[in-house]
Amino acid sequence: MLSLPPTVRVFVAVAPIDMRGSFDALAGAVRHLGLDPVDGHLYLFLNKRRRLAKAL
């Protein structure tokens, strides 16, 4: 079970992401939204078929 403090927000991407990219590419996607990938929040990305997930 994943236990997060109440100050941590979880963001889930609604558009699929290419999972062949690195975590740097995911960080770039977060920055593209105007957010900071190292701010302590959780960012969740899914592939097109919604079978693979990556968290940042």
PDB file of N, CA and C in Angstrom:
ATOM      1  N   MET A   1       0.846  -1.171   0.000  1.00  0.00           N
ATOM      2  CA  MET A   1       0.000   0.000   0.000  1.00  0.00           C
ATOM      3  C   MET A   1       0.890   1.232   0.000  1.00  0.00           C
ATOM      4  N   LEU A   2       0.505   2.196  -0.789  1.00  0.00           N
ATOM      5  CA  LEU A   2       1.230   3.448  -0.902  1.00  0.00           C
ATOM      6  C   LEU A   2       0.601   4.475   0.021  1.00  0.00           C
ATOM      7  N   SER A   3       1.400   4.970   0.934  1.00  0.00           N
ATOM      8  CA  SER A   3       0.917   5.945   1.893  1.00  0.00           C
ATOM      9  C   SER A   3       1.586   7.290   1.614  1.00  0.00           C
ATOM     10  N   LEU A   4       0.785   8.287   1.284  1.00  0.00           N
ATOM     11  CA  LEU A   4       1.294   9.619   0.956  1.00  0.00           C
ATOM     12  C   LEU A   4       0.793  10.627   1.987  1.00  0.00           C
ATOM     13  N   PRO A   5       1.619  11.611   2.321  1.00  0.00           N
ATOM     14  CA  PRO A   5       1.135  12.665   3.223  1.00  0.00           C
ATOM     15  C   PRO A   5       0.033  13.481   2.554  1.00  0.00           C
ATOM     16  N   PRO A   6      -0.793  14.140   3.319  1.00  0.00           N
ATOM     17  CA  PRO A   6      -1.904  14.909   2.738  1.00  0.00           C
ATOM     18  C   PRO A   6      -1.464  16.101   1.892  1.00  0.00           C
ATOM     19  N   THR A   7      -0.226  16.493   1.972  1.00  0.00           N
ATOM     20  CA  THR A   7       0.249  17.629   1.177  1.00  0.00           C
ATOM     21  C   THR A   7       0.641  17.227  -0.240  1.00  0.00           C
ATOM     22  N   VAL A   8       0.755  15.937  -0.505  1.00  0.00           N
ATOM     23  CA  VAL A   8       1.162  15.455  -1.833  1.00  0.00           C
ATOM     24  C   VAL A   8      -0.066  15.354  -2.727  1.00  0.00           C
ATOM     25  N   ARG A   9       0.035  15.991  -3.885  1.00  0.00           N
ATOM     26  CA  ARG A   9      -1.044  15.915  -4.871  1.00  0.00           C
ATOM     27  C   ARG A   9      -0.660  14.880  -5.924  1.00  0.00           C
ATOM     28  N   VAL A  10      -1.638  14.184  -6.457  1.00  0.00           N
ATOM     29  CA  VAL A  10      -1.420  13.173  -7.492  1.00  0.00           C
ATOM     30  C   VAL A  10      -2.046  13.687  -8.782  1.00  0.00           C
ATOM     31  N   PHE A  11      -1.220  13.812  -9.821  1.00  0.00           N
ATOM     32  CA  PHE A  11      -1.675  14.260 -11.130  1.00  0.00           C
ATOM     33  C   PHE A  11      -1.636  13.068 -12.075  1.00  0.00           C
ATOM     34  N   VAL A  12      -2.734  12.823 -12.787  1.00  0.00           N
ATOM     35  CA  VAL A  12      -2.818  11.728 -13.747  1.00  0.00           C
ATOM     36  C   VAL A  12      -3.002  12.341 -15.126  1.00  0.00           C
ATOM     37  N   ALA A  13      -2.113  11.975 -16.051  1.00  0.00           N
ATOM     38  CA  ALA A  13      -2.200  12.494 -17.417  1.00  0.00           C
ATOM     39  C   ALA A  13      -3.388  11.860 -18.125  1.00  0.00           C
ATOM     40  N   VAL A  14      -4.197  12.665 -18.799  1.00  0.00           N
ATOM     41  CA  VAL A  14      -5.356  12.142 -19.514  1.00  0.00           C
ATOM     42  C   VAL A  14      -5.000  11.721 -20.934  1.00  0.00           C
ATOM     43  N   ALA A  15      -3.957  12.315 -21.488  1.00  0.00           N
ATOM     44  CA  ALA A  15      -3.497  11.937 -22.826  1.00  0.00           C
ATOM     45  C   ALA A  15      -2.420  10.863 -22.694  1.00  0.00           C
ATOM     46  N   PRO A  16      -2.444   9.859 -23.577  1.00  0.00           N
ATOM     47  CA  PRO A  16      -1.413   8.813 -23.492  1.00  0.00           C
ATOM     48  C   PRO A  16      -0.038   9.369 -23.821  1.00  0.00           C
ATOM     49  N   ILE A  17       0.974   8.752 -23.230  1.00  0.00           N
ATOM     50  CA  ILE A  17       2.376   9.157 -23.402  1.00  0.00           C
ATOM     51  C   ILE A  17       3.141   7.998 -24.033  1.00  0.00           C
ATOM     52  N   ASP A  18       4.120   8.306 -24.856  1.00  0.00           N
ATOM     53  CA  ASP A  18       4.976   7.292 -25.452  1.00  0.00           C
ATOM     54  C   ASP A  18       5.925   6.761 -24.380  1.00  0.00           C
ATOM     55  N   MET A  19       5.804   5.496 -24.044  1.00  0.00           N
ATOM     56  CA  MET A  19       6.590   4.908 -22.962  1.00  0.00           C
ATOM     57  C   MET A  19       8.019   4.568 -23.367  1.00  0.00           C
ATOM     58  N   ARG A  20       8.363   4.790 -24.629  1.00  0.00           N
ATOM     59  CA  ARG A  20       9.745   4.535 -25.046  1.00  0.00           C
ATOM     60  C   ARG A  20      10.687   5.631 -24.571  1.00  0.00           C
ATOM     61  N   GLY A  21      10.129   6.760 -24.179  1.00  0.00           N
ATOM     62  CA  GLY A  21      10.945   7.863 -23.698  1.00  0.00           C
ATOM     63  C   GLY A  21      11.458   7.622 -22.287  1.00  0.00           C
ATOM     64  N   SER A  22      12.443   8.392 -21.915  1.00  0.00           N
ATOM     65  CA  SER A  22      13.041   8.253 -20.587  1.00  0.00           C
ATOM     66  C   SER A  22      12.245   9.067 -19.571  1.00  0.00           C
ATOM     67  N   PHE A  23      12.694   8.991 -18.321  1.00  0.00           N
ATOM     68  CA  PHE A  23      12.052   9.789 -17.283  1.00  0.00           C
ATOM     69  C   PHE A  23      12.332  11.273 -17.502  1.00  0.00           C
ATOM     70  N   ASP A  24      13.400  11.596 -18.207  1.00  0.00           N
ATOM     71  CA  ASP A  24      13.655  13.001 -18.554  1.00  0.00           C
ATOM     72  C   ASP A  24      12.580  13.518 -19.507  1.00  0.00           C
ATOM     73  N   ALA A  25      12.114  12.654 -20.410  1.00  0.00           N
ATOM     74  CA  ALA A  25      11.034  13.050 -21.315  1.00  0.00           C
ATOM     75  C   ALA A  25       9.741  13.278 -20.535  1.00  0.00           C
ATOM     76  N   LEU A  26       9.494  12.447 -19.519  1.00  0.00           N
ATOM     77  CA  LEU A  26       8.311  12.654 -18.684  1.00  0.00           C
ATOM     78  C   LEU A  26       8.422  13.954 -17.895  1.00  0.00           C
ATOM     79  N   ALA A  27       9.614  14.243 -17.402  1.00  0.00           N
ATOM     80  CA  ALA A  27       9.835  15.503 -16.693  1.00  0.00           C
ATOM     81  C   ALA A  27       9.600  16.686 -17.627  1.00  0.00           C
ATOM     82  N   GLY A  28       9.992  16.542 -18.881  1.00  0.00           N
ATOM     83  CA  GLY A  28       9.726  17.586 -19.867  1.00  0.00           C
ATOM     84  C   GLY A  28       8.238  17.772 -20.106  1.00  0.00           C
ATOM     85  N   ALA A  29       7.484  16.680 -20.089  1.00  0.00           N
ATOM     86  CA  ALA A  29       6.028  16.779 -20.252  1.00  0.00           C
ATOM     87  C   ALA A  29       5.400  17.513 -19.067  1.00  0.00           C
ATOM     88  N   VAL A  30       5.929  17.285 -17.882  1.00  0.00           N
ATOM     89  CA  VAL A  30       5.433  17.986 -16.693  1.00  0.00           C
ATOM     90  C   VAL A  30       5.773  19.468 -16.792  1.00  0.00           C
ATOM     91  N   ARG A  31       6.991  19.770 -17.205  1.00  0.00           N
ATOM     92  CA  ARG A  31       7.394  21.181 -17.352  1.00  0.00           C
ATOM     93  C   ARG A  31       6.570  21.886 -18.418  1.00  0.00           C
ATOM     94  N   HIS A  32       6.179  21.137 -19.461  1.00  0.00           N
ATOM     95  CA  HIS A  32       5.360  21.707 -20.535  1.00  0.00           C
ATOM     96  C   HIS A  32       4.006  22.178 -19.998  1.00  0.00           C
ATOM     97  N   LEU A  33       3.534  21.555 -18.938  1.00  0.00           N
ATOM     98  CA  LEU A  33       2.276  21.957 -18.306  1.00  0.00           C
ATOM     99  C   LEU A  33       2.453  23.126 -17.345  1.00  0.00           C
ATOM    100  N   GLY A  34       3.699  23.560 -17.162  1.00  0.00           N
ATOM    101  CA  GLY A  34       3.964  24.674 -16.257  1.00  0.00           C
ATOM    102  C   GLY A  34       4.154  24.249 -14.822  1.00  0.00           C
ATOM    103  N   LEU A  35       4.410  22.968 -14.592  1.00  0.00           N
ATOM    104  CA  LEU A  35       4.620  22.448 -13.244  1.00  0.00           C
ATOM    105  C   LEU A  35       6.078  22.055 -13.070  1.00  0.00           C
ATOM    106  N   ASP A  36       6.480  21.858 -11.833  1.00  0.00           N
ATOM    107  CA  ASP A  36       7.853  21.475 -11.526  1.00  0.00           C
ATOM    108  C   ASP A  36       7.886  19.985 -11.167  1.00  0.00           C
ATOM    109  N   PRO A  37       8.642  19.147 -11.910  1.00  0.00           N
ATOM    110  CA  PRO A  37       8.639  17.707 -11.641  1.00  0.00           C
ATOM    111  C   PRO A  37       9.308  17.300 -10.334  1.00  0.00           C
ATOM    112  N   VAL A  38      10.024  18.196  -9.684  1.00  0.00           N
ATOM    113  CA  VAL A  38      10.700  17.857  -8.428  1.00  0.00           C
ATOM    114  C   VAL A  38      10.081  18.592  -7.238  1.00  0.00           C
ATOM    115  N   ASP A  39       8.808  18.951  -7.348  1.00  0.00           N
ATOM    116  CA  ASP A  39       8.152  19.700  -6.276  1.00  0.00           C
ATOM    117  C   ASP A  39       7.572  18.810  -5.186  1.00  0.00           C
ATOM    118  N   GLY A  40       7.707  17.489  -5.299  1.00  0.00           N
ATOM    119  CA  GLY A  40       7.224  16.586  -4.261  1.00  0.00           C
ATOM    120  C   GLY A  40       5.872  15.977  -4.550  1.00  0.00           C
ATOM    121  N   HIS A  41       5.264  16.336  -5.670  1.00  0.00           N
ATOM    122  CA  HIS A  41       3.981  15.756  -6.049  1.00  0.00           C
ATOM    123  C   HIS A  41       4.222  14.531  -6.931  1.00  0.00           C
ATOM    124  N   LEU A  42       3.182  13.751  -7.150  1.00  0.00           N
ATOM    125  CA  LEU A  42       3.267  12.518  -7.921  1.00  0.00           C
ATOM    126  C   LEU A  42       2.585  12.729  -9.261  1.00  0.00           C
ATOM    127  N   TYR A  43       3.294  12.381 -10.339  1.00  0.00           N
ATOM    128  CA  TYR A  43       2.769  12.509 -11.693  1.00  0.00           C
ATOM    129  C   TYR A  43       2.703  11.118 -12.301  1.00  0.00           C
ATOM    130  N   LEU A  44       1.522  10.727 -12.777  1.00  0.00           N
ATOM    131  CA  LEU A  44       1.299   9.392 -13.309  1.00  0.00           C
ATOM    132  C   LEU A  44       0.986   9.486 -14.796  1.00  0.00           C
ATOM    133  N   PHE A  45       1.701   8.677 -15.588  1.00  0.00           N
ATOM    134  CA  PHE A  45       1.529   8.647 -17.033  1.00  0.00           C
ATOM    135  C   PHE A  45       1.169   7.232 -17.457  1.00  0.00           C
ATOM    136  N   LEU A  46       0.263   7.117 -18.433  1.00  0.00           N
ATOM    137  CA  LEU A  46      -0.168   5.826 -18.957  1.00  0.00           C
ATOM    138  C   LEU A  46       0.093   5.771 -20.455  1.00  0.00           C
ATOM    139  N   ASN A  47       0.249   4.540 -20.973  1.00  0.00           N
ATOM    140  CA  ASN A  47       0.428   4.398 -22.411  1.00  0.00           C
ATOM    141  C   ASN A  47      -0.932   4.383 -23.100  1.00  0.00           C
ATOM    142  N   LYS A  48      -0.917   4.232 -24.416  1.00  0.00           N
ATOM    143  CA  LYS A  48      -2.148   4.335 -25.199  1.00  0.00           C
ATOM    144  C   LYS A  48      -3.164   3.264 -24.825  1.00  0.00           C
ATOM    145  N   ARG A  49      -2.708   2.052 -24.567  1.00  0.00           N
ATOM    146  CA  ARG A  49      -3.619   0.957 -24.219  1.00  0.00           C
ATOM    147  C   ARG A  49      -3.927   0.885 -22.724  1.00  0.00           C
ATOM    148  N   ARG A  50      -3.349   1.785 -21.955  1.00  0.00           N
ATOM    149  CA  ARG A  50      -3.542   1.856 -20.504  1.00  0.00           C
ATOM    150  C   ARG A  50      -3.085   0.585 -19.790  1.00  0.00           C
ATOM    151  N   ARG A  51      -2.037  -0.048 -20.316  1.00  0.00           N
ATOM    152  CA  ARG A  51      -1.488  -1.252 -19.697  1.00  0.00           C
ATOM    153  C   ARG A  51      -0.181  -0.988 -18.964  1.00  0.00           C
ATOM    154  N   LEU A  52       0.510   0.063 -19.348  1.00  0.00           N
ATOM    155  CA  LEU A  52       1.781   0.434 -18.703  1.00  0.00           C
ATOM    156  C   LEU A  52       1.619   1.794 -18.044  1.00  0.00           C
ATOM    157  N   ALA A  53       2.275   1.938 -16.900  1.00  0.00           N
ATOM    158  CA  ALA A  53       2.236   3.206 -16.190  1.00  0.00           C
ATOM    159  C   ALA A  53       3.628   3.551 -15.704  1.00  0.00           C
ATOM    160  N   LYS A  54       3.934   4.831 -15.686  1.00  0.00           N
ATOM    161  CA  LYS A  54       5.170   5.342 -15.112  1.00  0.00           C
ATOM    162  C   LYS A  54       4.806   6.482 -14.183  1.00  0.00           C
ATOM    163  N   ALA A  55       5.462   6.508 -13.047  1.00  0.00           N
ATOM    164  CA  ALA A  55       5.218   7.579 -12.081  1.00  0.00           C
ATOM    165  C   ALA A  55       6.487   8.400 -11.923  1.00  0.00           C
ATOM    166  N   LEU A  56       6.307   9.662 -11.754  1.00  0.00           N
ATOM    167  CA  LEU A  56       7.434  10.574 -11.579  1.00  0.00           C
ATOM    168  C   LEU A  56       7.172  11.400 -10.345  1.00  0.00           C
TER     169      LEU A  56
END
